[in-house]
């Protein structure tokens, strides 16, 4: 059974940082690209970042490019999203996606 469990969300002030984690199980993690999405209130789900296999090539949505970094640790079956210089418009539920499955999400709120 595939499981994706996000963690690391919370409340942070504008300009701050957070690191999200997504722990994966139930599939061969190292064989799948991992993707982060987000969904803000009243908006459609938005692609944030992807990391491929092999080689770990990363790509980012325009709204987060230069501020967010996606990475993976295949020894821990975990993908990360380092978020810096956070803005109020980054407020959303962040979801991990892989192998046709979604996690339940973690809430990120950027507010002073």
PDB file of N, CA and C in Angstrom:
ATOM      1  N   UNK A   1       0.834  -1.185   0.000  1.00  0.00           N
ATOM      2  CA  UNK A   1       0.000   0.000   0.000  1.00  0.00           C
ATOM      3  C   UNK A   1       0.878   1.247   0.000  1.00  0.00           C
ATOM      4  N   UNK A   2       0.662   2.093  -1.012  1.00  0.00           N
ATOM      5  CA  UNK A   2       1.458   3.308  -1.120  1.00  0.00           C
ATOM      6  C   UNK A   2       1.015   4.316  -0.061  1.00  0.00           C
ATOM      7  N   UNK A   3       1.988   4.884   0.630  1.00  0.00           N
ATOM      8  CA  UNK A   3       1.710   5.959   1.587  1.00  0.00           C
ATOM      9  C   UNK A   3       2.690   7.090   1.368  1.00  0.00           C
ATOM     10  N   UNK A   4       2.151   8.293   1.401  1.00  0.00           N
ATOM     11  CA  UNK A   4       2.951   9.511   1.330  1.00  0.00           C
ATOM     12  C   UNK A   4       2.514  10.385   2.496  1.00  0.00           C
ATOM     13  N   UNK A   5       3.436  10.705   3.376  1.00  0.00           N
ATOM     14  CA  UNK A   5       3.101  11.449   4.586  1.00  0.00           C
ATOM     15  C   UNK A   5       3.932  12.719   4.648  1.00  0.00           C
ATOM     16  N   UNK A   6       3.254  13.843   4.486  1.00  0.00           N
ATOM     17  CA  UNK A   6       3.922  15.136   4.539  1.00  0.00           C
ATOM     18  C   UNK A   6       4.032  15.638   5.977  1.00  0.00           C
ATOM     19  N   UNK A   7       5.069  16.416   6.229  1.00  0.00           N
ATOM     20  CA  UNK A   7       5.245  17.044   7.534  1.00  0.00           C
ATOM     21  C   UNK A   7       6.083  18.297   7.362  1.00  0.00           C
ATOM     22  N   UNK A   8       6.126  19.110   8.425  1.00  0.00           N
ATOM     23  CA  UNK A   8       6.984  20.282   8.417  1.00  0.00           C
ATOM     24  C   UNK A   8       6.274  21.599   8.186  1.00  0.00           C
ATOM     25  N   UNK A   9       4.980  21.551   7.935  1.00  0.00           N
ATOM     26  CA  UNK A   9       4.250  22.790   7.742  1.00  0.00           C
ATOM     27  C   UNK A   9       4.074  23.552   9.042  1.00  0.00           C
ATOM     28  N   UNK A  10       3.537  24.764   8.917  1.00  0.00           N
ATOM     29  CA  UNK A  10       3.311  25.574  10.105  1.00  0.00           C
ATOM     30  C   UNK A  10       3.093  27.022   9.757  1.00  0.00           C
ATOM     31  N   UNK A  11       3.147  27.853  10.781  1.00  0.00           N
ATOM     32  CA  UNK A  11       2.986  29.292  10.627  1.00  0.00           C
ATOM     33  C   UNK A  11       4.361  29.950  10.625  1.00  0.00           C
ATOM     34  N   UNK A  12       4.614  30.789   9.641  1.00  0.00           N
ATOM     35  CA  UNK A  12       5.898  31.457   9.528  1.00  0.00           C
ATOM     36  C   UNK A  12       5.671  32.892   9.053  1.00  0.00           C
ATOM     37  N   UNK A  13       6.531  33.794   9.461  1.00  0.00           N
ATOM     38  CA  UNK A  13       6.415  35.187   9.047  1.00  0.00           C
ATOM     39  C   UNK A  13       6.937  35.368   7.619  1.00  0.00           C
ATOM     40  N   UNK A  14       6.448  36.374   6.934  1.00  0.00           N
ATOM     41  CA  UNK A  14       6.995  36.666   5.598  1.00  0.00           C
ATOM     42  C   UNK A  14       8.510  36.832   5.651  1.00  0.00           C
ATOM     43  N   UNK A  15       9.174  36.246   4.663  1.00  0.00           N
ATOM     44  CA  UNK A  15      10.635  36.260   4.628  1.00  0.00           C
ATOM     45  C   UNK A  15      11.275  35.078   5.327  1.00  0.00           C
ATOM     46  N   UNK A  16      10.477  34.309   6.034  1.00  0.00           N
ATOM     47  CA  UNK A  16      11.001  33.160   6.767  1.00  0.00           C
ATOM     48  C   UNK A  16      11.167  31.924   5.902  1.00  0.00           C
ATOM     49  N   UNK A  17      11.540  30.836   6.566  1.00  0.00           N
ATOM     50  CA  UNK A  17      11.817  29.582   5.872  1.00  0.00           C
ATOM     51  C   UNK A  17      11.125  28.414   6.563  1.00  0.00           C
ATOM     52  N   UNK A  18      10.835  27.402   5.776  1.00  0.00           N
ATOM     53  CA  UNK A  18      10.333  26.125   6.274  1.00  0.00           C
ATOM     54  C   UNK A  18      10.913  25.032   5.398  1.00  0.00           C
ATOM     55  N   UNK A  19      11.042  23.838   5.988  1.00  0.00           N
ATOM     56  CA  UNK A  19      11.410  22.674   5.196  1.00  0.00           C
ATOM     57  C   UNK A  19      10.332  21.607   5.356  1.00  0.00           C
ATOM     58  N   UNK A  20       9.727  21.260   4.252  1.00  0.00           N
ATOM     59  CA  UNK A  20       8.727  20.202   4.242  1.00  0.00           C
ATOM     60  C   UNK A  20       9.394  18.874   3.924  1.00  0.00           C
ATOM     61  N   UNK A  21       8.827  17.819   4.485  1.00  0.00           N
ATOM     62  CA  UNK A  21       9.281  16.459   4.197  1.00  0.00           C
ATOM     63  C   UNK A  21       8.094  15.623   3.746  1.00  0.00           C
ATOM     64  N   UNK A  22       8.384  14.643   2.916  1.00  0.00           N
ATOM     65  CA  UNK A  22       7.374  13.676   2.498  1.00  0.00           C
ATOM     66  C   UNK A  22       8.000  12.292   2.587  1.00  0.00           C
ATOM     67  N   UNK A  23       7.535  11.518   3.541  1.00  0.00           N
ATOM     68  CA  UNK A  23       8.041  10.165   3.738  1.00  0.00           C
ATOM     69  C   UNK A  23       7.188   9.193   2.937  1.00  0.00           C
ATOM     70  N   UNK A  24       7.846   8.400   2.111  1.00  0.00           N
ATOM     71  CA  UNK A  24       7.149   7.495   1.193  1.00  0.00           C
ATOM     72  C   UNK A  24       7.348   6.045   1.608  1.00  0.00           C
ATOM     73  N   UNK A  25       6.338   5.228   1.340  1.00  0.00           N
ATOM     74  CA  UNK A  25       6.439   3.797   1.581  1.00  0.00           C
ATOM     75  C   UNK A  25       5.470   3.070   0.651  1.00  0.00           C
ATOM     76  N   UNK A  26       5.727   1.787   0.474  1.00  0.00           N
ATOM     77  CA  UNK A  26       4.826   0.964  -0.322  1.00  0.00           C
ATOM     78  C   UNK A  26       5.149   0.895  -1.801  1.00  0.00           C
ATOM     79  N   UNK A  27       6.242   1.522  -2.195  1.00  0.00           N
ATOM     80  CA  UNK A  27       6.693   1.423  -3.580  1.00  0.00           C
ATOM     81  C   UNK A  27       8.202   1.668  -3.602  1.00  0.00           C
ATOM     82  N   UNK A  28       8.802   1.374  -4.730  1.00  0.00           N
ATOM     83  CA  UNK A  28      10.255   1.530  -4.846  1.00  0.00           C
ATOM     84  C   UNK A  28      10.562   3.001  -5.110  1.00  0.00           C
ATOM     85  N   UNK A  29      10.819   3.698  -4.038  1.00  0.00           N
ATOM     86  CA  UNK A  29      10.964   5.156  -4.060  1.00  0.00           C
ATOM     87  C   UNK A  29      11.968   5.627  -5.103  1.00  0.00           C
ATOM     88  N   UNK A  30      13.084   4.937  -5.190  1.00  0.00           N
ATOM     89  CA  UNK A  30      14.174   5.409  -6.044  1.00  0.00           C
ATOM     90  C   UNK A  30      13.843   5.337  -7.523  1.00  0.00           C
ATOM     91  N   UNK A  31      12.737   4.699  -7.883  1.00  0.00           N
ATOM     92  CA  UNK A  31      12.367   4.526  -9.279  1.00  0.00           C
ATOM     93  C   UNK A  31      11.328   5.535  -9.757  1.00  0.00           C
ATOM     94  N   UNK A  32      10.931   6.442  -8.884  1.00  0.00           N
ATOM     95  CA  UNK A  32       9.850   7.357  -9.244  1.00  0.00           C
ATOM     96  C   UNK A  32      10.249   8.819  -9.066  1.00  0.00           C
ATOM     97  N   UNK A  33       9.795   9.620 -10.019  1.00  0.00           N
ATOM     98  CA  UNK A  33       9.877  11.051  -9.825  1.00  0.00           C
ATOM     99  C   UNK A  33       8.969  11.443  -8.656  1.00  0.00           C
ATOM    100  N   UNK A  34       9.358  12.473  -7.947  1.00  0.00           N
ATOM    101  CA  UNK A  34       8.577  12.985  -6.819  1.00  0.00           C
ATOM    102  C   UNK A  34       8.195  14.430  -7.111  1.00  0.00           C
ATOM    103  N   UNK A  35       6.988  14.771  -6.738  1.00  0.00           N
ATOM    104  CA  UNK A  35       6.446  16.073  -7.102  1.00  0.00           C
ATOM    105  C   UNK A  35       5.766  16.708  -5.890  1.00  0.00           C
ATOM    106  N   UNK A  36       5.939  18.007  -5.761  1.00  0.00           N
ATOM    107  CA  UNK A  36       5.204  18.801  -4.767  1.00  0.00           C
ATOM    108  C   UNK A  36       4.179  19.672  -5.506  1.00  0.00           C
ATOM    109  N   UNK A  37       2.982  19.689  -4.951  1.00  0.00           N
ATOM    110  CA  UNK A  37       1.921  20.578  -5.395  1.00  0.00           C
ATOM    111  C   UNK A  37       1.459  21.397  -4.191  1.00  0.00           C
ATOM    112  N   UNK A  38       0.678  22.411  -4.465  1.00  0.00           N
ATOM    113  CA  UNK A  38       0.049  23.160  -3.389  1.00  0.00           C
ATOM    114  C   UNK A  38      -1.325  23.631  -3.839  1.00  0.00           C
ATOM    115  N   UNK A  39      -2.175  23.878  -2.852  1.00  0.00           N
ATOM    116  CA  UNK A  39      -3.508  24.388  -3.129  1.00  0.00           C
ATOM    117  C   UNK A  39      -3.870  25.438  -2.098  1.00  0.00           C
ATOM    118  N   UNK A  40      -4.053  26.648  -2.582  1.00  0.00           N
ATOM    119  CA  UNK A  40      -4.461  27.749  -1.724  1.00  0.00           C
ATOM    120  C   UNK A  40      -5.992  27.792  -1.661  1.00  0.00           C
ATOM    121  N   UNK A  41      -6.532  28.393  -0.615  1.00  0.00           N
ATOM    122  CA  UNK A  41      -7.990  28.477  -0.480  1.00  0.00           C
ATOM    123  C   UNK A  41      -8.635  29.124  -1.700  1.00  0.00           C
ATOM    124  N   UNK A  42      -9.632  28.460  -2.263  1.00  0.00           N
ATOM    125  CA  UNK A  42     -10.362  29.006  -3.391  1.00  0.00           C
ATOM    126  C   UNK A  42      -9.647  28.911  -4.724  1.00  0.00           C
ATOM    127  N   UNK A  43      -8.496  28.241  -4.735  1.00  0.00           N
ATOM    128  CA  UNK A  43      -7.726  28.135  -5.978  1.00  0.00           C
ATOM    129  C   UNK A  43      -7.523  26.678  -6.361  1.00  0.00           C
ATOM    130  N   UNK A  44      -7.154  26.461  -7.634  1.00  0.00           N
ATOM    131  CA  UNK A  44      -6.855  25.106  -8.085  1.00  0.00           C
ATOM    132  C   UNK A  44      -5.492  24.659  -7.582  1.00  0.00           C
ATOM    133  N   UNK A  45      -5.331  23.349  -7.559  1.00  0.00           N
ATOM    134  CA  UNK A  45      -4.048  22.799  -7.153  1.00  0.00           C
ATOM    135  C   UNK A  45      -2.979  23.215  -8.167  1.00  0.00           C
ATOM    136  N   UNK A  46      -1.835  23.615  -7.662  1.00  0.00           N
ATOM    137  CA  UNK A  46      -0.760  24.175  -8.485  1.00  0.00           C
ATOM    138  C   UNK A  46       0.498  23.334  -8.340  1.00  0.00           C
ATOM    139  N   UNK A  47       1.139  23.029  -9.454  1.00  0.00           N
ATOM    140  CA  UNK A  47       2.415  22.328  -9.418  1.00  0.00           C
ATOM    141  C   UNK A  47       3.495  23.264  -8.867  1.00  0.00           C
ATOM    142  N   UNK A  48       4.314  22.747  -7.959  1.00  0.00           N
ATOM    143  CA  UNK A  48       5.360  23.548  -7.321  1.00  0.00           C
ATOM    144  C   UNK A  48       6.752  23.153  -7.812  1.00  0.00           C
ATOM    145  N   UNK A  49       7.062  21.850  -7.705  1.00  0.00           N
ATOM    146  CA  UNK A  49       8.414  21.412  -8.045  1.00  0.00           C
ATOM    147  C   UNK A  49       8.430  19.910  -8.269  1.00  0.00           C
ATOM    148  N   UNK A  50       9.391  19.475  -9.066  1.00  0.00           N
ATOM    149  CA  UNK A  50       9.562  18.051  -9.359  1.00  0.00           C
ATOM    150  C   UNK A  50      11.025  17.688  -9.299  1.00  0.00           C
ATOM    151  N   UNK A  51      11.281  16.431  -8.954  1.00  0.00           N
ATOM    152  CA  UNK A  51      12.639  15.896  -9.003  1.00  0.00           C
ATOM    153  C   UNK A  51      12.569  14.526  -9.653  1.00  0.00           C
ATOM    154  N   UNK A  52      13.390  14.334 -10.694  1.00  0.00           N
ATOM    155  CA  UNK A  52      13.281  13.137 -11.512  1.00  0.00           C
ATOM    156  C   UNK A  52      14.236  12.053 -11.032  1.00  0.00           C
ATOM    157  N   UNK A  53      14.118  10.918 -11.696  1.00  0.00           N
ATOM    158  CA  UNK A  53      15.098   9.853 -11.553  1.00  0.00           C
ATOM    159  C   UNK A  53      15.466   9.361 -12.948  1.00  0.00           C
ATOM    160  N   UNK A  54      16.644   8.871 -13.203  1.00  0.00           N
ATOM    161  CA  UNK A  54      17.810   9.058 -12.354  1.00  0.00           C
ATOM    162  C   UNK A  54      18.357  10.470 -12.497  1.00  0.00           C
ATOM    163  N   UNK A  55      19.304  10.794 -11.728  1.00  0.00           N
ATOM    164  CA  UNK A  55      19.996  12.071 -11.901  1.00  0.00           C
ATOM    165  C   UNK A  55      19.450  13.196 -11.054  1.00  0.00           C
ATOM    166  N   UNK A  56      18.206  13.060 -10.574  1.00  0.00           N
ATOM    167  CA  UNK A  56      17.677  14.086  -9.692  1.00  0.00           C
ATOM    168  C   UNK A  56      17.548  15.447 -10.343  1.00  0.00           C
ATOM    169  N   UNK A  57      17.118  15.464 -11.595  1.00  0.00           N
ATOM    170  CA  UNK A  57      16.917  16.752 -12.265  1.00  0.00           C
ATOM    171  C   UNK A  57      15.704  17.435 -11.643  1.00  0.00           C
ATOM    172  N   UNK A  58      15.859  18.721 -11.316  1.00  0.00           N
ATOM    173  CA  UNK A  58      14.799  19.466 -10.638  1.00  0.00           C
ATOM    174  C   UNK A  58      14.206  20.525 -11.553  1.00  0.00           C
ATOM    175  N   UNK A  59      12.916  20.728 -11.408  1.00  0.00           N
ATOM    176  CA  UNK A  59      12.227  21.789 -12.127  1.00  0.00           C
ATOM    177  C   UNK A  59      11.251  22.460 -11.170  1.00  0.00           C
ATOM    178  N   UNK A  60      10.946  23.734 -11.435  1.00  0.00           N
ATOM    179  CA  UNK A  60      10.162  24.535 -10.504  1.00  0.00           C
ATOM    180  C   UNK A  60       9.125  25.381 -11.240  1.00  0.00           C
ATOM    181  N   UNK A  61       8.025  25.621 -10.537  1.00  0.00           N
ATOM    182  CA  UNK A  61       7.058  26.572 -11.045  1.00  0.00           C
ATOM    183  C   UNK A  61       7.626  27.987 -10.984  1.00  0.00           C
ATOM    184  N   UNK A  62       7.148  28.839 -11.857  1.00  0.00           N
ATOM    185  CA  UNK A  62       7.687  30.196 -11.941  1.00  0.00           C
ATOM    186  C   UNK A  62       7.525  30.955 -10.629  1.00  0.00           C
ATOM    187  N   UNK A  63       6.454  30.679  -9.900  1.00  0.00           N
ATOM    188  CA  UNK A  63       6.177  31.441  -8.691  1.00  0.00           C
ATOM    189  C   UNK A  63       7.119  31.105  -7.541  1.00  0.00           C
ATOM    190  N   UNK A  64       7.838  30.002  -7.625  1.00  0.00           N
ATOM    191  CA  UNK A  64       8.723  29.601  -6.531  1.00  0.00           C
ATOM    192  C   UNK A  64      10.177  29.504  -6.968  1.00  0.00           C
ATOM    193  N   UNK A  65      10.449  29.657  -8.242  1.00  0.00           N
ATOM    194  CA  UNK A  65      11.806  29.506  -8.758  1.00  0.00           C
ATOM    195  C   UNK A  65      12.753  30.490  -8.069  1.00  0.00           C
ATOM    196  N   UNK A  66      13.882  29.973  -7.616  1.00  0.00           N
ATOM    197  CA  UNK A  66      14.861  30.804  -6.939  1.00  0.00           C
ATOM    198  C   UNK A  66      14.657  30.905  -5.443  1.00  0.00           C
ATOM    199  N   UNK A  67      13.498  30.440  -4.954  1.00  0.00           N
ATOM    200  CA  UNK A  67      13.209  30.505  -3.516  1.00  0.00           C
ATOM    201  C   UNK A  67      13.056  29.112  -2.896  1.00  0.00           C
ATOM    202  N   UNK A  68      12.542  28.171  -3.659  1.00  0.00           N
ATOM    203  CA  UNK A  68      12.305  26.812  -3.158  1.00  0.00           C
ATOM    204  C   UNK A  68      13.324  25.857  -3.775  1.00  0.00           C
ATOM    205  N   UNK A  69      13.650  24.815  -3.012  1.00  0.00           N
ATOM    206  CA  UNK A  69      14.553  23.773  -3.492  1.00  0.00           C
ATOM    207  C   UNK A  69      13.987  22.410  -3.143  1.00  0.00           C
ATOM    208  N   UNK A  70      13.841  21.577  -4.152  1.00  0.00           N
ATOM    209  CA  UNK A  70      13.388  20.199  -3.936  1.00  0.00           C
ATOM    210  C   UNK A  70      14.607  19.287  -3.928  1.00  0.00           C
ATOM    211  N   UNK A  71      14.580  18.298  -3.042  1.00  0.00           N
ATOM    212  CA  UNK A  71      15.667  17.326  -2.982  1.00  0.00           C
ATOM    213  C   UNK A  71      15.087  16.000  -2.507  1.00  0.00           C
ATOM    214  N   UNK A  72      15.886  14.960  -2.640  1.00  0.00           N
ATOM    215  CA  UNK A  72      15.423  13.635  -2.228  1.00  0.00           C
ATOM    216  C   UNK A  72      16.566  12.866  -1.590  1.00  0.00           C
ATOM    217  N   UNK A  73      16.193  11.983  -0.678  1.00  0.00           N
ATOM    218  CA  UNK A  73      17.150  11.075  -0.053  1.00  0.00           C
ATOM    219  C   UNK A  73      16.610   9.666  -0.277  1.00  0.00           C
ATOM    220  N   UNK A  74      17.192   8.976  -1.231  1.00  0.00           N
ATOM    221  CA  UNK A  74      16.688   7.645  -1.574  1.00  0.00           C
ATOM    222  C   UNK A  74      16.975   6.620  -0.474  1.00  0.00           C
ATOM    223  N   UNK A  75      17.911   6.925   0.424  1.00  0.00           N
ATOM    224  CA  UNK A  75      18.187   6.007   1.526  1.00  0.00           C
ATOM    225  C   UNK A  75      17.111   6.113   2.614  1.00  0.00           C
ATOM    226  N   UNK A  76      16.430   7.241   2.640  1.00  0.00           N
ATOM    227  CA  UNK A  76      15.383   7.460   3.634  1.00  0.00           C
ATOM    228  C   UNK A  76      13.981   7.469   3.030  1.00  0.00           C
ATOM    229  N   UNK A  77      13.891   7.242   1.718  1.00  0.00           N
ATOM    230  CA  UNK A  77      12.591   7.274   1.026  1.00  0.00           C
ATOM    231  C   UNK A  77      11.839   8.574   1.321  1.00  0.00           C
ATOM    232  N   UNK A  78      12.557   9.667   1.245  1.00  0.00           N
ATOM    233  CA  UNK A  78      11.984  10.957   1.619  1.00  0.00           C
ATOM    234  C   UNK A  78      12.345  12.016   0.589  1.00  0.00           C
ATOM    235  N   UNK A  79      11.364  12.861   0.307  1.00  0.00           N
ATOM    236  CA  UNK A  79      11.601  14.023  -0.542  1.00  0.00           C
ATOM    237  C   UNK A  79      11.361  15.270   0.310  1.00  0.00           C
ATOM    238  N   UNK A  80      12.141  16.297   0.036  1.00  0.00           N
ATOM    239  CA  UNK A  80      12.094  17.524   0.827  1.00  0.00           C
ATOM    240  C   UNK A  80      11.745  18.719  -0.063  1.00  0.00           C
ATOM    241  N   UNK A  81      11.200  19.736   0.571  1.00  0.00           N
ATOM    242  CA  UNK A  81      10.999  21.013  -0.102  1.00  0.00           C
ATOM    243  C   UNK A  81      11.463  22.108   0.844  1.00  0.00           C
ATOM    244  N   UNK A  82      12.620  22.664   0.544  1.00  0.00           N
ATOM    245  CA  UNK A  82      13.141  23.789   1.322  1.00  0.00           C
ATOM    246  C   UNK A  82      12.542  25.063   0.758  1.00  0.00           C
ATOM    247  N   UNK A  83      11.870  25.807   1.604  1.00  0.00           N
ATOM    248  CA  UNK A  83      11.178  27.020   1.176  1.00  0.00           C
ATOM    249  C   UNK A  83      11.777  28.219   1.888  1.00  0.00           C
ATOM    250  N   UNK A  84      12.361  29.118   1.128  1.00  0.00           N
ATOM    251  CA  UNK A  84      12.976  30.325   1.671  1.00  0.00           C
ATOM    252  C   UNK A  84      12.253  31.563   1.150  1.00  0.00           C
ATOM    253  N   UNK A  85      12.497  32.667   1.804  1.00  0.00           N
ATOM    254  CA  UNK A  85      11.900  33.954   1.397  1.00  0.00           C
ATOM    255  C   UNK A  85      10.400  33.815   1.176  1.00  0.00           C
ATOM    256  N   UNK A  86       9.757  33.214   2.144  1.00  0.00           N
ATOM    257  CA  UNK A  86       8.332  32.929   1.998  1.00  0.00           C
ATOM    258  C   UNK A  86       7.511  34.212   1.935  1.00  0.00           C
ATOM    259  N   UNK A  87       6.444  34.134   1.140  1.00  0.00           N
ATOM    260  CA  UNK A  87       5.528  35.251   0.933  1.00  0.00           C
ATOM    261  C   UNK A  87       4.118  34.826   1.354  1.00  0.00           C
ATOM    262  N   UNK A  88       3.273  35.790   1.575  1.00  0.00           N
ATOM    263  CA  UNK A  88       1.897  35.465   1.974  1.00  0.00           C
ATOM    264  C   UNK A  88       1.209  34.618   0.910  1.00  0.00           C
ATOM    265  N   UNK A  89       1.574  34.833  -0.340  1.00  0.00           N
ATOM    266  CA  UNK A  89       0.931  34.063  -1.421  1.00  0.00           C
ATOM    267  C   UNK A  89       1.406  32.617  -1.482  1.00  0.00           C
ATOM    268  N   UNK A  90       2.378  32.250  -0.654  1.00  0.00           N
ATOM    269  CA  UNK A  90       2.792  30.848  -0.552  1.00  0.00           C
ATOM    270  C   UNK A  90       1.893  30.071   0.407  1.00  0.00           C
ATOM    271  N   UNK A  91       0.989  30.755   1.086  1.00  0.00           N
ATOM    272  CA  UNK A  91       0.069  30.093   1.992  1.00  0.00           C
ATOM    273  C   UNK A  91      -0.798  29.100   1.233  1.00  0.00           C
ATOM    274  N   UNK A  92      -0.760  27.849   1.657  1.00  0.00           N
ATOM    275  CA  UNK A  92      -1.473  26.782   0.959  1.00  0.00           C
ATOM    276  C   UNK A  92      -1.290  25.481   1.722  1.00  0.00           C
ATOM    277  N   UNK A  93      -2.054  24.486   1.309  1.00  0.00           N
ATOM    278  CA  UNK A  93      -1.768  23.113   1.725  1.00  0.00           C
ATOM    279  C   UNK A  93      -0.828  22.528   0.675  1.00  0.00           C
ATOM    280  N   UNK A  94       0.270  21.965   1.153  1.00  0.00           N
ATOM    281  CA  UNK A  94       1.295  21.407   0.269  1.00  0.00           C
ATOM    282  C   UNK A  94       1.162  19.888   0.247  1.00  0.00           C
ATOM    283  N   UNK A  95       1.126  19.337  -0.968  1.00  0.00           N
ATOM    284  CA  UNK A  95       0.924  17.914  -1.167  1.00  0.00           C
ATOM    285  C   UNK A  95       2.112  17.289  -1.889  1.00  0.00           C
ATOM    286  N   UNK A  96       2.379  16.068  -1.512  1.00  0.00           N
ATOM    287  CA  UNK A  96       3.386  15.239  -2.162  1.00  0.00           C
ATOM    288  C   UNK A  96       2.658  14.289  -3.102  1.00  0.00           C
ATOM    289  N   UNK A  97       3.268  14.037  -4.276  1.00  0.00           N
ATOM    290  CA  UNK A  97       2.646  13.159  -5.268  1.00  0.00           C
ATOM    291  C   UNK A  97       3.696  12.233  -5.866  1.00  0.00           C
ATOM    292  N   UNK A  98       3.321  10.962  -6.014  1.00  0.00           N
ATOM    293  CA  UNK A  98       4.197  10.011  -6.700  1.00  0.00           C
ATOM    294  C   UNK A  98       3.399   8.759  -7.035  1.00  0.00           C
ATOM    295  N   UNK A  99       3.752   8.150  -8.130  1.00  0.00           N
ATOM    296  CA  UNK A  99       3.209   6.847  -8.501  1.00  0.00           C
ATOM    297  C   UNK A  99       1.679   6.841  -8.491  1.00  0.00           C
ATOM    298  N   UNK A 100       1.087   7.952  -8.905  1.00  0.00           N
ATOM    299  CA  UNK A 100      -0.370   8.015  -8.968  1.00  0.00           C
ATOM    300  C   UNK A 100      -1.053   8.226  -7.638  1.00  0.00           C
ATOM    301  N   UNK A 101      -0.280   8.541  -6.604  1.00  0.00           N
ATOM    302  CA  UNK A 101      -0.824   8.694  -5.256  1.00  0.00           C
ATOM    303  C   UNK A 101      -0.504  10.061  -4.667  1.00  0.00           C
ATOM    304  N   UNK A 102      -1.401  10.504  -3.798  1.00  0.00           N
ATOM    305  CA  UNK A 102      -1.268  11.781  -3.102  1.00  0.00           C
ATOM    306  C   UNK A 102      -1.150  11.562  -1.608  1.00  0.00           C
ATOM    307  N   UNK A 103      -0.365  12.439  -0.968  1.00  0.00           N
ATOM    308  CA  UNK A 103      -0.417  12.503   0.474  1.00  0.00           C
ATOM    309  C   UNK A 103      -1.606  13.333   0.923  1.00  0.00           C
ATOM    310  N   UNK A 104      -1.747  13.481   2.238  1.00  0.00           N
ATOM    311  CA  UNK A 104      -2.877  14.239   2.777  1.00  0.00           C
ATOM    312  C   UNK A 104      -2.575  15.723   2.893  1.00  0.00           C
ATOM    313  N   UNK A 105      -1.338  16.077   2.770  1.00  0.00           N
ATOM    314  CA  UNK A 105      -0.973  17.483   2.764  1.00  0.00           C
ATOM    315  C   UNK A 105      -0.534  18.008   4.110  1.00  0.00           C
ATOM    316  N   UNK A 106       0.182  19.128   4.070  1.00  0.00           N
ATOM    317  CA  UNK A 106       0.593  19.834   5.276  1.00  0.00           C
ATOM    318  C   UNK A 106       0.352  21.327   5.039  1.00  0.00           C
ATOM    319  N   UNK A 107      -0.215  21.976   6.044  1.00  0.00           N
ATOM    320  CA  UNK A 107      -0.600  23.378   5.903  1.00  0.00           C
ATOM    321  C   UNK A 107       0.596  24.291   6.126  1.00  0.00           C
ATOM    322  N   UNK A 108       0.788  25.213   5.208  1.00  0.00           N
ATOM    323  CA  UNK A 108       1.792  26.271   5.355  1.00  0.00           C
ATOM    324  C   UNK A 108       1.052  27.602   5.353  1.00  0.00           C
ATOM    325  N   UNK A 109       1.273  28.381   6.417  1.00  0.00           N
ATOM    326  CA  UNK A 109       0.652  29.696   6.521  1.00  0.00           C
ATOM    327  C   UNK A 109       1.744  30.736   6.705  1.00  0.00           C
ATOM    328  N   UNK A 110       1.773  31.696   5.804  1.00  0.00           N
ATOM    329  CA  UNK A 110       2.766  32.766   5.867  1.00  0.00           C
ATOM    330  C   UNK A 110       2.023  34.047   6.232  1.00  0.00           C
ATOM    331  N   UNK A 111       2.291  34.531   7.433  1.00  0.00           N
ATOM    332  CA  UNK A 111       1.555  35.682   7.933  1.00  0.00           C
ATOM    333  C   UNK A 111       2.327  36.345   9.062  1.00  0.00           C
ATOM    334  N   UNK A 112       2.189  37.657   9.138  1.00  0.00           N
ATOM    335  CA  UNK A 112       2.804  38.377  10.249  1.00  0.00           C
ATOM    336  C   UNK A 112       1.815  38.533  11.402  1.00  0.00           C
TER     337      UNK A 112
END
